[in-house]
C-alpha atoms as a PDB file:
ATOM      1  CA  MET A   1     -81.869 -67.876  49.146  1.00  0.00           C
ATOM      2  CA  ASN A   2     -85.024 -66.608  50.629  1.00  0.00           C
ATOM      3  CA  ALA A   3     -86.284 -62.444  48.645  1.00  0.00           C
ATOM      4  CA  ALA A   4     -85.040 -60.400  52.073  1.00  0.00           C
ATOM      5  CA  LEU A   5     -81.383 -61.774  52.077  1.00  0.00           C
ATOM      6  CA  PHE A   6     -80.834 -61.597  48.290  1.00  0.00           C
ATOM      7  CA  SER A   7     -82.638 -58.017  48.500  1.00  0.00           C
ATOM      8  CA  GLN A   8     -80.168 -56.894  51.176  1.00  0.00           C
ATOM      9  CA  ALA A   9     -77.535 -58.527  48.926  1.00  0.00           C
ATOM     10  CA  VAL A  10     -78.031 -56.935  46.211  1.00  0.00           C
ATOM     11  CA  ALA A  11     -78.509 -53.280  47.590  1.00  0.00           C
ATOM     12  CA  SER A  12     -74.882 -53.917  49.792  1.00  0.00           C
ATOM     13  CA  GLY A  13     -73.751 -55.290  46.068  1.00  0.00           C
ATOM     14  CA  ILE A  14     -75.071 -51.987  44.746  1.00  0.00           C
ATOM     15  CA  THR A  15     -72.978 -50.340  47.511  1.00  0.00           C
ATOM     16  CA  ASN A  16     -69.793 -51.092  47.536  1.00  0.00           C
ATOM     17  CA  GLY A  17     -69.801 -51.627  43.979  1.00  0.00           C
ATOM     18  CA  SER A  18     -70.305 -47.594  43.557  1.00  0.00           C
ATOM     19  CA  VAL A  19     -67.227 -47.482  45.696  1.00  0.00           C
ATOM     20  CA  TYR A  20     -65.079 -49.692  43.221  1.00  0.00           C
ATOM     21  CA  ALA A  21     -66.771 -48.063  39.915  1.00  0.00           C
ATOM     22  CA  LEU A  22     -65.534 -44.914  41.358  1.00  0.00           C
ATOM     23  CA  ILE A  23     -62.245 -46.002  42.049  1.00  0.00           C
ATOM     24  CA  GLY A  24     -62.265 -47.941  38.445  1.00  0.00           C
ATOM     25  CA  LEU A  25     -63.855 -44.815  36.873  1.00  0.00           C
ATOM     26  CA  GLY A  26     -60.423 -42.752  37.903  1.00  0.00           C
ATOM     27  CA  LEU A  27     -58.397 -45.911  36.780  1.00  0.00           C
ATOM     28  CA  ALA A  28     -60.224 -45.477  33.492  1.00  0.00           C
ATOM     29  CA  VAL A  29     -60.088 -42.130  33.101  1.00  0.00           C
ATOM     30  CA  VAL A  30     -56.012 -41.567  34.071  1.00  0.00           C
ATOM     31  CA  PHE A  31     -55.229 -44.327  31.246  1.00  0.00           C
ATOM     32  CA  LYS A  32     -57.942 -42.957  28.792  1.00  0.00           C
ATOM     33  CA  GLY A  33     -56.109 -39.618  28.862  1.00  0.00           C
ATOM     34  CA  ALA A  34     -52.726 -40.286  29.139  1.00  0.00           C
ATOM     35  CA  ARG A  35     -51.858 -44.572  28.597  1.00  0.00           C
ATOM     36  CA  ILE A  36     -50.774 -45.015  31.962  1.00  0.00           C
ATOM     37  CA  ILE A  37     -51.781 -48.510  34.318  1.00  0.00           C
ATOM     38  CA  ASN A  38     -51.936 -45.928  37.466  1.00  0.00           C
ATOM     39  CA  VAL A  39     -51.751 -48.069  40.412  1.00  0.00           C
ATOM     40  CA  THR A  40     -51.863 -45.743  43.092  1.00  0.00           C
ATOM     41  CA  GLN A  41     -55.695 -45.008  42.004  1.00  0.00           C
ATOM     42  CA  GLY A  42     -56.693 -46.609  45.350  1.00  0.00           C
ATOM     43  CA  GLU A  43     -53.667 -44.546  46.978  1.00  0.00           C
ATOM     44  CA  PHE A  44     -55.898 -41.673  46.326  1.00  0.00           C
ATOM     45  CA  ALA A  45     -59.368 -43.135  48.710  1.00  0.00           C
ATOM     46  CA  VAL A  46     -56.627 -42.931  51.875  1.00  0.00           C
ATOM     47  CA  VAL A  47     -54.830 -39.494  51.218  1.00  0.00           C
ATOM     48  CA  GLY A  48     -58.711 -38.618  50.759  1.00  0.00           C
ATOM     49  CA  ALA A  49     -59.869 -39.720  53.707  1.00  0.00           C
ATOM     50  CA  LEU A  50     -57.560 -39.095  55.750  1.00  0.00           C
ATOM     51  CA  MET A  51     -57.122 -35.772  55.404  1.00  0.00           C
ATOM     52  CA  ALA A  52     -61.051 -34.985  55.940  1.00  0.00           C
ATOM     53  CA  VAL A  53     -61.127 -36.788  59.011  1.00  0.00           C
ATOM     54  CA  LEU A  54     -57.779 -34.734  59.672  1.00  0.00           C
ATOM     55  CA  CYS A  55     -60.119 -31.078  59.489  1.00  0.00           C
ATOM     56  CA  LEU A  56     -62.849 -31.953  60.923  1.00  0.00           C
ATOM     57  CA  GLN A  57     -61.749 -34.050  63.926  1.00  0.00           C
ATOM     58  CA  ARG A  58     -58.142 -32.399  64.243  1.00  0.00           C
ATOM     59  CA  LEU A  59     -58.595 -29.272  62.967  1.00  0.00           C
ATOM     60  CA  GLY A  60     -62.304 -28.802  63.967  1.00  0.00           C
ATOM     61  CA  TRP A  61     -64.161 -27.440  60.048  1.00  0.00           C
ATOM     62  CA  PRO A  62     -66.792 -28.080  58.922  1.00  0.00           C
ATOM     63  CA  TYR A  63     -67.647 -32.021  57.818  1.00  0.00           C
ATOM     64  CA  PRO A  64     -68.733 -30.229  54.368  1.00  0.00           C
ATOM     65  CA  ALA A  65     -65.685 -28.207  54.604  1.00  0.00           C
ATOM     66  CA  ALA A  66     -63.228 -31.454  55.332  1.00  0.00           C
ATOM     67  CA  MET A  67     -64.468 -33.154  52.456  1.00  0.00           C
ATOM     68  CA  ALA A  68     -63.765 -30.538  50.014  1.00  0.00           C
ATOM     69  CA  ALA A  69     -60.319 -30.906  51.300  1.00  0.00           C
ATOM     70  CA  GLY A  70     -60.668 -34.316  51.286  1.00  0.00           C
ATOM     71  CA  VAL A  71     -61.325 -33.953  47.261  1.00  0.00           C
ATOM     72  CA  ALA A  72     -58.527 -31.147  46.400  1.00  0.00           C
ATOM     73  CA  SER A  73     -56.243 -33.310  48.420  1.00  0.00           C
ATOM     74  CA  GLY A  74     -56.478 -36.428  46.369  1.00  0.00           C
ATOM     75  CA  ALA A  75     -56.355 -34.082  42.849  1.00  0.00           C
ATOM     76  CA  LEU A  76     -53.480 -32.574  43.974  1.00  0.00           C
ATOM     77  CA  THR A  77     -51.316 -35.525  44.761  1.00  0.00           C
ATOM     78  CA  GLY A  78     -52.341 -37.036  41.552  1.00  0.00           C
ATOM     79  CA  LEU A  79     -51.104 -33.658  39.671  1.00  0.00           C
ATOM     80  CA  PHE A  80     -48.012 -33.766  41.995  1.00  0.00           C
ATOM     81  CA  ILE A  81     -47.989 -37.061  39.950  1.00  0.00           C
ATOM     82  CA  ASP A  82     -47.642 -36.362  37.027  1.00  0.00           C
ATOM     83  CA  TRP A  83     -45.222 -32.785  37.337  1.00  0.00           C
ATOM     84  CA  ALA A  84     -42.749 -34.660  39.797  1.00  0.00           C
ATOM     85  CA  PHE A  85     -42.712 -37.943  38.117  1.00  0.00           C
ATOM     86  CA  VAL A  86     -44.336 -38.284  34.918  1.00  0.00           C
ATOM     87  CA  ARG A  87     -43.653 -35.399  33.049  1.00  0.00           C
ATOM     88  CA  PRO A  88     -40.120 -36.240  33.507  1.00  0.00           C
ATOM     89  CA  MET A  89     -39.817 -39.855  32.182  1.00  0.00           C
ATOM     90  CA  LEU A  90     -41.833 -38.747  29.444  1.00  0.00           C
ATOM     91  CA  ARG A  91     -39.540 -36.403  27.904  1.00  0.00           C
ATOM     92  CA  ARG A  92     -37.190 -39.064  28.190  1.00  0.00           C
ATOM     93  CA  GLY A  93     -39.006 -41.775  25.784  1.00  0.00           C
ATOM     94  CA  ALA A  94     -39.576 -44.413  29.059  1.00  0.00           C
ATOM     95  CA  ASN A  95     -42.345 -46.746  28.047  1.00  0.00           C
ATOM     96  CA  GLU A  96     -45.523 -48.598  29.379  1.00  0.00           C
ATOM     97  CA  GLU A  97     -43.527 -50.879  31.882  1.00  0.00           C
ATOM     98  CA  SER A  98     -41.850 -48.073  33.343  1.00  0.00           C
ATOM     99  CA  PHE A  99     -44.900 -46.024  34.636  1.00  0.00           C
ATOM    100  CA  LEU A 100     -46.492 -49.095  35.401  1.00  0.00           C
ATOM    101  CA  LEU A 101     -43.454 -50.147  37.439  1.00  0.00           C
ATOM    102  CA  LEU A 102     -43.509 -45.654  38.770  1.00  0.00           C
ATOM    103  CA  THR A 103     -46.792 -46.263  40.364  1.00  0.00           C
ATOM    104  CA  ILE A 104     -45.912 -49.449  42.164  1.00  0.00           C
ATOM    105  CA  GLY A 105     -43.417 -47.915  43.619  1.00  0.00           C
ATOM    106  CA  LEU A 106     -45.679 -44.142  44.132  1.00  0.00           C
ATOM    107  CA  ALA A 107     -48.366 -47.155  45.815  1.00  0.00           C
ATOM    108  CA  PHE A 108     -46.206 -48.079  48.539  1.00  0.00           C
ATOM    109  CA  THR A 109     -44.403 -44.994  49.000  1.00  0.00           C
ATOM    110  CA  LEU A 110     -48.253 -42.990  49.479  1.00  0.00           C
ATOM    111  CA  SER A 111     -49.099 -45.825  51.686  1.00  0.00           C
ATOM    112  CA  ALA A 112     -45.650 -45.374  53.724  1.00  0.00           C
ATOM    113  CA  ALA A 113     -46.872 -42.013  54.534  1.00  0.00           C
ATOM    114  CA  ALA A 114     -50.129 -42.583  55.632  1.00  0.00           C
ATOM    115  CA  LEU A 115     -48.744 -44.508  57.800  1.00  0.00           C
ATOM    116  CA  TYR A 116     -46.575 -41.921  59.422  1.00  0.00           C
ATOM    117  CA  PHE A 117     -49.271 -39.178  59.369  1.00  0.00           C
ATOM    118  CA  GLY A 118     -52.223 -41.266  60.270  1.00  0.00           C
ATOM    119  CA  GLY A 119     -50.397 -43.842  62.570  1.00  0.00           C
ATOM    120  CA  ARG A 120     -52.278 -47.973  61.976  1.00  0.00           C
ATOM    121  CA  SER A 121     -55.251 -47.086  63.724  1.00  0.00           C
ATOM    122  CA  ALA A 122     -58.279 -46.985  61.285  1.00  0.00           C
ATOM    123  CA  HIS A 123     -61.035 -43.673  61.024  1.00  0.00           C
ATOM    124  CA  LEU A 124     -64.351 -43.434  60.372  1.00  0.00           C
ATOM    125  CA  LEU A 125     -65.869 -40.042  58.791  1.00  0.00           C
ATOM    126  CA  PRO A 126     -69.688 -39.642  60.181  1.00  0.00           C
ATOM    127  CA  ALA A 127     -72.058 -40.821  57.871  1.00  0.00           C
ATOM    128  CA  LEU A 128     -74.049 -38.325  55.722  1.00  0.00           C
ATOM    129  CA  GLY A 129     -78.155 -38.429  56.914  1.00  0.00           C
ATOM    130  CA  GLY A 130     -76.580 -40.166  60.827  1.00  0.00           C
ATOM    131  CA  GLU A 131     -77.064 -43.313  61.530  1.00  0.00           C
ATOM    132  CA  GLY A 132     -80.593 -43.662  59.940  1.00  0.00           C
ATOM    133  CA  ILE A 133     -81.833 -46.666  58.153  1.00  0.00           C
ATOM    134  CA  VAL A 134     -84.477 -47.202  55.041  1.00  0.00           C
ATOM    135  CA  GLU A 135     -86.406 -49.894  54.469  1.00  0.00           C
ATOM    136  CA  LEU A 136     -86.446 -50.232  50.468  1.00  0.00           C
ATOM    137  CA  GLY A 137     -88.837 -53.450  50.435  1.00  0.00           C
ATOM    138  CA  ALA A 138     -87.446 -56.319  52.263  1.00  0.00           C
ATOM    139  CA  ALA A 139     -84.169 -54.585  52.089  1.00  0.00           C
ATOM    140  CA  THR A 140     -82.632 -52.686  55.299  1.00  0.00           C
ATOM    141  CA  VAL A 141     -79.990 -49.394  53.827  1.00  0.00           C
ATOM    142  CA  ARG A 142     -78.445 -46.754  55.848  1.00  0.00           C
ATOM    143  CA  THR A 143     -79.125 -43.864  55.017  1.00  0.00           C
ATOM    144  CA  HIS A 144     -75.363 -42.897  53.937  1.00  0.00           C
ATOM    145  CA  ALA A 145     -75.189 -46.647  51.587  1.00  0.00           C
ATOM    146  CA  LEU A 146     -78.039 -44.349  49.209  1.00  0.00           C
ATOM    147  CA  TRP A 147     -76.283 -40.691  49.977  1.00  0.00           C
ATOM    148  CA  LEU A 148     -73.881 -42.956  48.933  1.00  0.00           C
ATOM    149  CA  VAL A 149     -74.669 -43.743  45.328  1.00  0.00           C
ATOM    150  CA  ALA A 150     -76.262 -40.938  44.639  1.00  0.00           C
ATOM    151  CA  ILE A 151     -73.342 -38.843  44.641  1.00  0.00           C
ATOM    152  CA  ALA A 152     -71.553 -41.878  42.719  1.00  0.00           C
ATOM    153  CA  ALA A 153     -74.284 -40.970  39.897  1.00  0.00           C
ATOM    154  CA  VAL A 154     -74.146 -37.600  40.042  1.00  0.00           C
ATOM    155  CA  VAL A 155     -70.465 -37.691  39.700  1.00  0.00           C
ATOM    156  CA  VAL A 156     -70.396 -40.209  37.037  1.00  0.00           C
ATOM    157  CA  LEU A 157     -73.372 -37.907  35.295  1.00  0.00           C
ATOM    158  CA  ALA A 158     -71.513 -34.519  35.551  1.00  0.00           C
ATOM    159  CA  LEU A 159     -68.308 -36.202  34.576  1.00  0.00           C
ATOM    160  CA  ARG A 160     -69.905 -37.632  31.553  1.00  0.00           C
ATOM    161  CA  TRP A 161     -71.355 -34.035  30.723  1.00  0.00           C
ATOM    162  CA  PHE A 162     -67.794 -32.969  30.761  1.00  0.00           C
ATOM    163  CA  TYR A 163     -66.306 -34.959  28.277  1.00  0.00           C
ATOM    164  CA  ARG A 164     -68.917 -34.113  25.444  1.00  0.00           C
ATOM    165  CA  HIS A 165     -69.850 -30.544  26.012  1.00  0.00           C
ATOM    166  CA  THR A 166     -67.521 -28.747  27.234  1.00  0.00           C
ATOM    167  CA  LEU A 167     -64.581 -27.240  25.002  1.00  0.00           C
ATOM    168  CA  LEU A 168     -62.036 -28.676  27.651  1.00  0.00           C
ATOM    169  CA  GLY A 169     -63.667 -32.142  27.997  1.00  0.00           C
ATOM    170  CA  LEU A 170     -63.165 -33.226  23.417  1.00  0.00           C
ATOM    171  CA  SER A 171     -59.918 -31.852  24.201  1.00  0.00           C
ATOM    172  CA  ILE A 172     -59.188 -34.727  26.603  1.00  0.00           C
ATOM    173  CA  THR A 173     -60.455 -37.126  23.931  1.00  0.00           C
ATOM    174  CA  ALA A 174     -59.210 -35.978  20.914  1.00  0.00           C
ATOM    175  CA  ALA A 175     -55.467 -35.685  22.398  1.00  0.00           C
ATOM    176  CA  SER A 176     -56.165 -39.202  24.245  1.00  0.00           C
ATOM    177  CA  SER A 177     -57.310 -40.600  20.893  1.00  0.00           C
ATOM    178  CA  ASP A 178     -54.274 -38.817  18.856  1.00  0.00           C
ATOM    179  CA  ALA A 179     -51.746 -36.413  20.584  1.00  0.00           C
ATOM    180  CA  PRO A 180     -49.957 -35.554  17.534  1.00  0.00           C
ATOM    181  CA  GLY A 181     -53.329 -35.034  15.289  1.00  0.00           C
ATOM    182  CA  ALA A 182     -55.096 -33.329  18.508  1.00  0.00           C
ATOM    183  CA  ALA A 183     -51.347 -30.808  18.861  1.00  0.00           C
ATOM    184  CA  THR A 184     -51.794 -29.311  15.139  1.00  0.00           C
ATOM    185  CA  VAL A 185     -55.161 -27.863  15.817  1.00  0.00           C
ATOM    186  CA  GLY A 186     -53.832 -26.230  19.401  1.00  0.00           C
ATOM    187  CA  VAL A 187     -54.900 -28.805  21.565  1.00  0.00           C
ATOM    188  CA  ASP A 188     -52.540 -28.305  24.790  1.00  0.00           C
ATOM    189  CA  VAL A 189     -51.553 -32.377  25.026  1.00  0.00           C
ATOM    190  CA  ALA A 190     -49.759 -31.975  28.577  1.00  0.00           C
ATOM    191  CA  ALA A 191     -52.421 -30.055  29.765  1.00  0.00           C
ATOM    192  CA  CYS A 192     -55.129 -32.395  29.005  1.00  0.00           C
ATOM    193  CA  ARG A 193     -52.711 -35.161  31.052  1.00  0.00           C
ATOM    194  CA  ARG A 194     -52.116 -33.600  33.798  1.00  0.00           C
ATOM    195  CA  LEU A 195     -55.688 -32.998  34.263  1.00  0.00           C
ATOM    196  CA  THR A 196     -56.761 -36.325  33.564  1.00  0.00           C
ATOM    197  CA  PHE A 197     -54.621 -37.354  37.099  1.00  0.00           C
ATOM    198  CA  LEU A 198     -56.285 -34.742  38.590  1.00  0.00           C
ATOM    199  CA  LEU A 199     -59.753 -36.073  37.681  1.00  0.00           C
ATOM    200  CA  GLY A 200     -58.259 -39.687  38.776  1.00  0.00           C
ATOM    201  CA  GLY A 201     -56.790 -38.190  41.797  1.00  0.00           C
ATOM    202  CA  GLY A 202     -59.928 -36.186  43.164  1.00  0.00           C
ATOM    203  CA  LEU A 203     -62.514 -39.457  42.362  1.00  0.00           C
ATOM    204  CA  GLY A 204     -60.133 -41.969  43.831  1.00  0.00           C
ATOM    205  CA  ALA A 205     -60.719 -39.318  47.066  1.00  0.00           C
ATOM    206  CA  ILE A 206     -64.326 -39.216  46.563  1.00  0.00           C
ATOM    207  CA  ALA A 207     -64.626 -42.696  46.951  1.00  0.00           C
ATOM    208  CA  GLY A 208     -62.021 -42.805  49.499  1.00  0.00           C
ATOM    209  CA  ILE A 209     -64.375 -39.955  51.686  1.00  0.00           C
ATOM    210  CA  LEU A 210     -67.798 -41.857  50.819  1.00  0.00           C
ATOM    211  CA  VAL A 211     -66.556 -45.255  51.742  1.00  0.00           C
ATOM    212  CA  THR A 212     -65.784 -44.266  55.555  1.00  0.00           C
ATOM    213  CA  PRO A 213     -68.100 -43.771  57.183  1.00  0.00           C
ATOM    214  CA  LEU A 214     -68.837 -47.781  56.012  1.00  0.00           C
ATOM    215  CA  THR A 215     -65.526 -49.113  56.321  1.00  0.00           C
ATOM    216  CA  ALA A 216     -62.915 -47.534  59.029  1.00  0.00           C
ATOM    217  CA  MET A 217     -59.586 -45.999  56.950  1.00  0.00           C
ATOM    218  CA  ASN A 218     -56.390 -47.211  57.300  1.00  0.00           C
ATOM    219  CA  TYR A 219     -52.813 -46.589  55.695  1.00  0.00           C
ATOM    220  CA  HIS A 220     -52.933 -49.909  53.616  1.00  0.00           C
ATOM    221  CA  MET A 221     -56.468 -49.930  51.951  1.00  0.00           C
ATOM    222  CA  GLY A 222     -55.127 -48.679  49.332  1.00  0.00           C
ATOM    223  CA  ILE A 223     -54.137 -51.214  47.538  1.00  0.00           C
ATOM    224  CA  ALA A 224     -57.007 -53.283  47.791  1.00  0.00           C
ATOM    225  CA  LEU A 225     -59.482 -50.604  46.463  1.00  0.00           C
ATOM    226  CA  THR A 226     -56.526 -50.360  43.833  1.00  0.00           C
ATOM    227  CA  LEU A 227     -57.527 -54.198  42.517  1.00  0.00           C
ATOM    228  CA  LYS A 228     -61.390 -54.382  42.925  1.00  0.00           C
ATOM    229  CA  GLY A 229     -60.770 -50.847  40.282  1.00  0.00           C
ATOM    230  CA  PHE A 230     -59.247 -52.515  38.168  1.00  0.00           C
ATOM    231  CA  ALA A 231     -61.153 -55.535  38.058  1.00  0.00           C
ATOM    232  CA  ALA A 232     -63.787 -52.413  37.491  1.00  0.00           C
ATOM    233  CA  ALA A 233     -62.506 -51.391  34.719  1.00  0.00           C
ATOM    234  CA  ILE A 234     -61.020 -54.209  33.404  1.00  0.00           C
ATOM    235  CA  LEU A 235     -63.973 -55.522  32.930  1.00  0.00           C
ATOM    236  CA  GLY A 236     -65.933 -52.121  31.349  1.00  0.00           C
ATOM    237  CA  GLY A 237     -63.215 -52.039  28.784  1.00  0.00           C
ATOM    238  CA  LEU A 238     -59.528 -50.576  30.352  1.00  0.00           C
ATOM    239  CA  VAL A 239     -60.332 -47.454  27.471  1.00  0.00           C
ATOM    240  CA  ASN A 240     -64.055 -46.898  28.562  1.00  0.00           C
ATOM    241  CA  PRO A 241     -64.054 -45.023  31.774  1.00  0.00           C
ATOM    242  CA  PHE A 242     -67.889 -45.463  31.553  1.00  0.00           C
ATOM    243  CA  GLY A 243     -67.496 -48.914  31.486  1.00  0.00           C
ATOM    244  CA  ALA A 244     -65.707 -48.773  34.729  1.00  0.00           C
ATOM    245  CA  ILE A 245     -69.346 -48.375  36.290  1.00  0.00           C
ATOM    246  CA  VAL A 246     -71.000 -51.653  35.328  1.00  0.00           C
ATOM    247  CA  GLY A 247     -67.616 -53.372  36.269  1.00  0.00           C
ATOM    248  CA  GLY A 248     -67.646 -51.909  39.645  1.00  0.00           C
ATOM    249  CA  LEU A 249     -71.724 -52.916  39.830  1.00  0.00           C
ATOM    250  CA  VAL A 250     -71.074 -56.394  38.437  1.00  0.00           C
ATOM    251  CA  LEU A 251     -68.157 -56.774  40.758  1.00  0.00           C
ATOM    252  CA  GLY A 252     -70.093 -55.127  43.863  1.00  0.00           C
ATOM    253  CA  LEU A 253     -72.859 -57.574  43.416  1.00  0.00           C
ATOM    254  CA  VAL A 254     -70.813 -60.283  42.613  1.00  0.00           C
ATOM    255  CA  GLU A 255     -69.234 -60.187  45.549  1.00  0.00           C
ATOM    256  CA  SER A 256     -72.558 -59.443  48.230  1.00  0.00           C
ATOM    257  CA  LEU A 257     -74.277 -63.108  46.739  1.00  0.00           C
ATOM    258  CA  ALA A 258     -71.597 -65.425  46.972  1.00  0.00           C
ATOM    259  CA  LEU A 259     -71.520 -63.936  50.829  1.00  0.00           C
ATOM    260  CA  VAL A 260     -75.092 -65.157  50.735  1.00  0.00           C
ATOM    261  CA  VAL A 261     -74.325 -68.819  49.048  1.00  0.00           C
ATOM    262  CA  PHE A 262     -70.376 -69.030  50.371  1.00  0.00           C
ATOM    263  CA  PRO A 263     -68.860 -68.984  53.643  1.00  0.00           C
ATOM    264  CA  SER A 264     -67.531 -65.336  53.923  1.00  0.00           C
ATOM    265  CA  GLY A 265     -63.608 -66.261  53.641  1.00  0.00           C
ATOM    266  CA  TYR A 266     -64.781 -67.589  50.365  1.00  0.00           C
ATOM    267  CA  LYS A 267     -65.964 -64.365  48.910  1.00  0.00           C
ATOM    268  CA  GLU A 268     -63.356 -63.171  47.150  1.00  0.00           C
ATOM    269  CA  VAL A 269     -62.433 -66.199  45.743  1.00  0.00           C
ATOM    270  CA  VAL A 270     -65.690 -67.016  44.713  1.00  0.00           C
ATOM    271  CA  ALA A 271     -66.049 -63.703  42.831  1.00  0.00           C
ATOM    272  CA  MET A 272     -62.703 -63.259  41.673  1.00  0.00           C
ATOM    273  CA  ALA A 273     -63.267 -66.737  39.833  1.00  0.00           C
ATOM    274  CA  LEU A 274     -66.219 -65.716  38.745  1.00  0.00           C
ATOM    275  CA  LEU A 275     -64.915 -62.551  37.055  1.00  0.00           C
ATOM    276  CA  ILE A 276     -62.864 -64.599  34.727  1.00  0.00           C
ATOM    277  CA  LEU A 277     -64.607 -66.636  33.312  1.00  0.00           C
ATOM    278  CA  ILE A 278     -66.805 -63.395  32.780  1.00  0.00           C
ATOM    279  CA  MET A 279     -63.552 -62.176  30.558  1.00  0.00           C
ATOM    280  CA  LEU A 280     -63.134 -65.890  29.123  1.00  0.00           C
ATOM    281  CA  LEU A 281     -66.413 -65.478  28.104  1.00  0.00           C
ATOM    282  CA  MET A 282     -66.474 -61.424  27.024  1.00  0.00           C
ATOM    283  CA  PRO A 283     -62.980 -60.576  26.864  1.00  0.00           C
ATOM    284  CA  TYR A 284     -63.496 -57.685  25.106  1.00  0.00           C
ATOM    285  CA  GLY A 285     -65.709 -56.963  28.619  1.00  0.00           C
ATOM    286  CA  ILE A 286     -69.306 -56.766  29.277  1.00  0.00           C
ATOM    287  CA  LEU A 287     -69.731 -54.260  26.595  1.00  0.00           C
ATOM    288  CA  GLY A 288     -67.919 -55.450  23.927  1.00  0.00           C
ATOM    289  CA  ARG A 289     -65.357 -54.065  21.485  1.00  0.00           C
ATOM    290  CA  ALA A 290     -68.625 -51.780  20.648  1.00  0.00           C
ATOM    291  CA  GLY A 291     -68.072 -50.628  24.753  1.00  0.00           C
ATOM    292  CA  ARG A 292     -64.464 -50.044  24.450  1.00  0.00           C
ATOM    293  CA  VAL A 293     -64.757 -47.273  22.050  1.00  0.00           C
ATOM    294  CA  GLY A 294     -66.573 -45.240  24.361  1.00  0.00           C
ATOM    295  CA  GLY A 295     -66.249 -42.661  26.778  1.00  0.00           C
END
């Protein structure tokens, strides 16, 4: 492997890994706040991207307004799921397996809705920064990829600040760690859970909007994004949302480097095989036991 090819693979891996990290972050946020594995996380990306396409191409909205509408649609979809399905099931004492089955069913439902409203065609959004490219050492990177990584980093830092330095963020952390104890000191546990679904939906939509200028979005991409995000979250430690960032970047790099060494048809096999090996050697995730407590 020459230096140019290696550099290009690393750049591609960081770009893809940033998308996986945002999906995994949203999934881990919901799990941390509600103890629910949200299989609909990738569908939030589809909903957000298709809403942005609709507002931009059919309604003629300015691009920033279309992107904001896409993020809002993902966030509101997450909020609706909590209100219409999660809250009633909690009142009936549903267990974790029931919620997993619920989100699987909702994932197929959202995919079908995307097919109905968006059709079978794949959709693209304009690239941020146009079609420009930047030379980074031996690698050639699209300007949009740099925007993607930068926006993902800002989102992660903003979310980390929110959790650690705002009363609402600290309340969510307290409610996720000890719901009965948090309730006794006045924390609205149900409101904190709703906010985690709102955040999860928004994060998924951001990931979908950012990736759509690079990879055309269609109705059946949600499950693939969910699987990549889930792998990222597991690698980083599912109970630590920010561990998903590390997991997503590792997954993206492994995929890109596998593509350099092996034929493209083996990319997924090699990447997942290496991830299995990592989990066998580090069953608590890349960050270990200490990382599972963080976030």
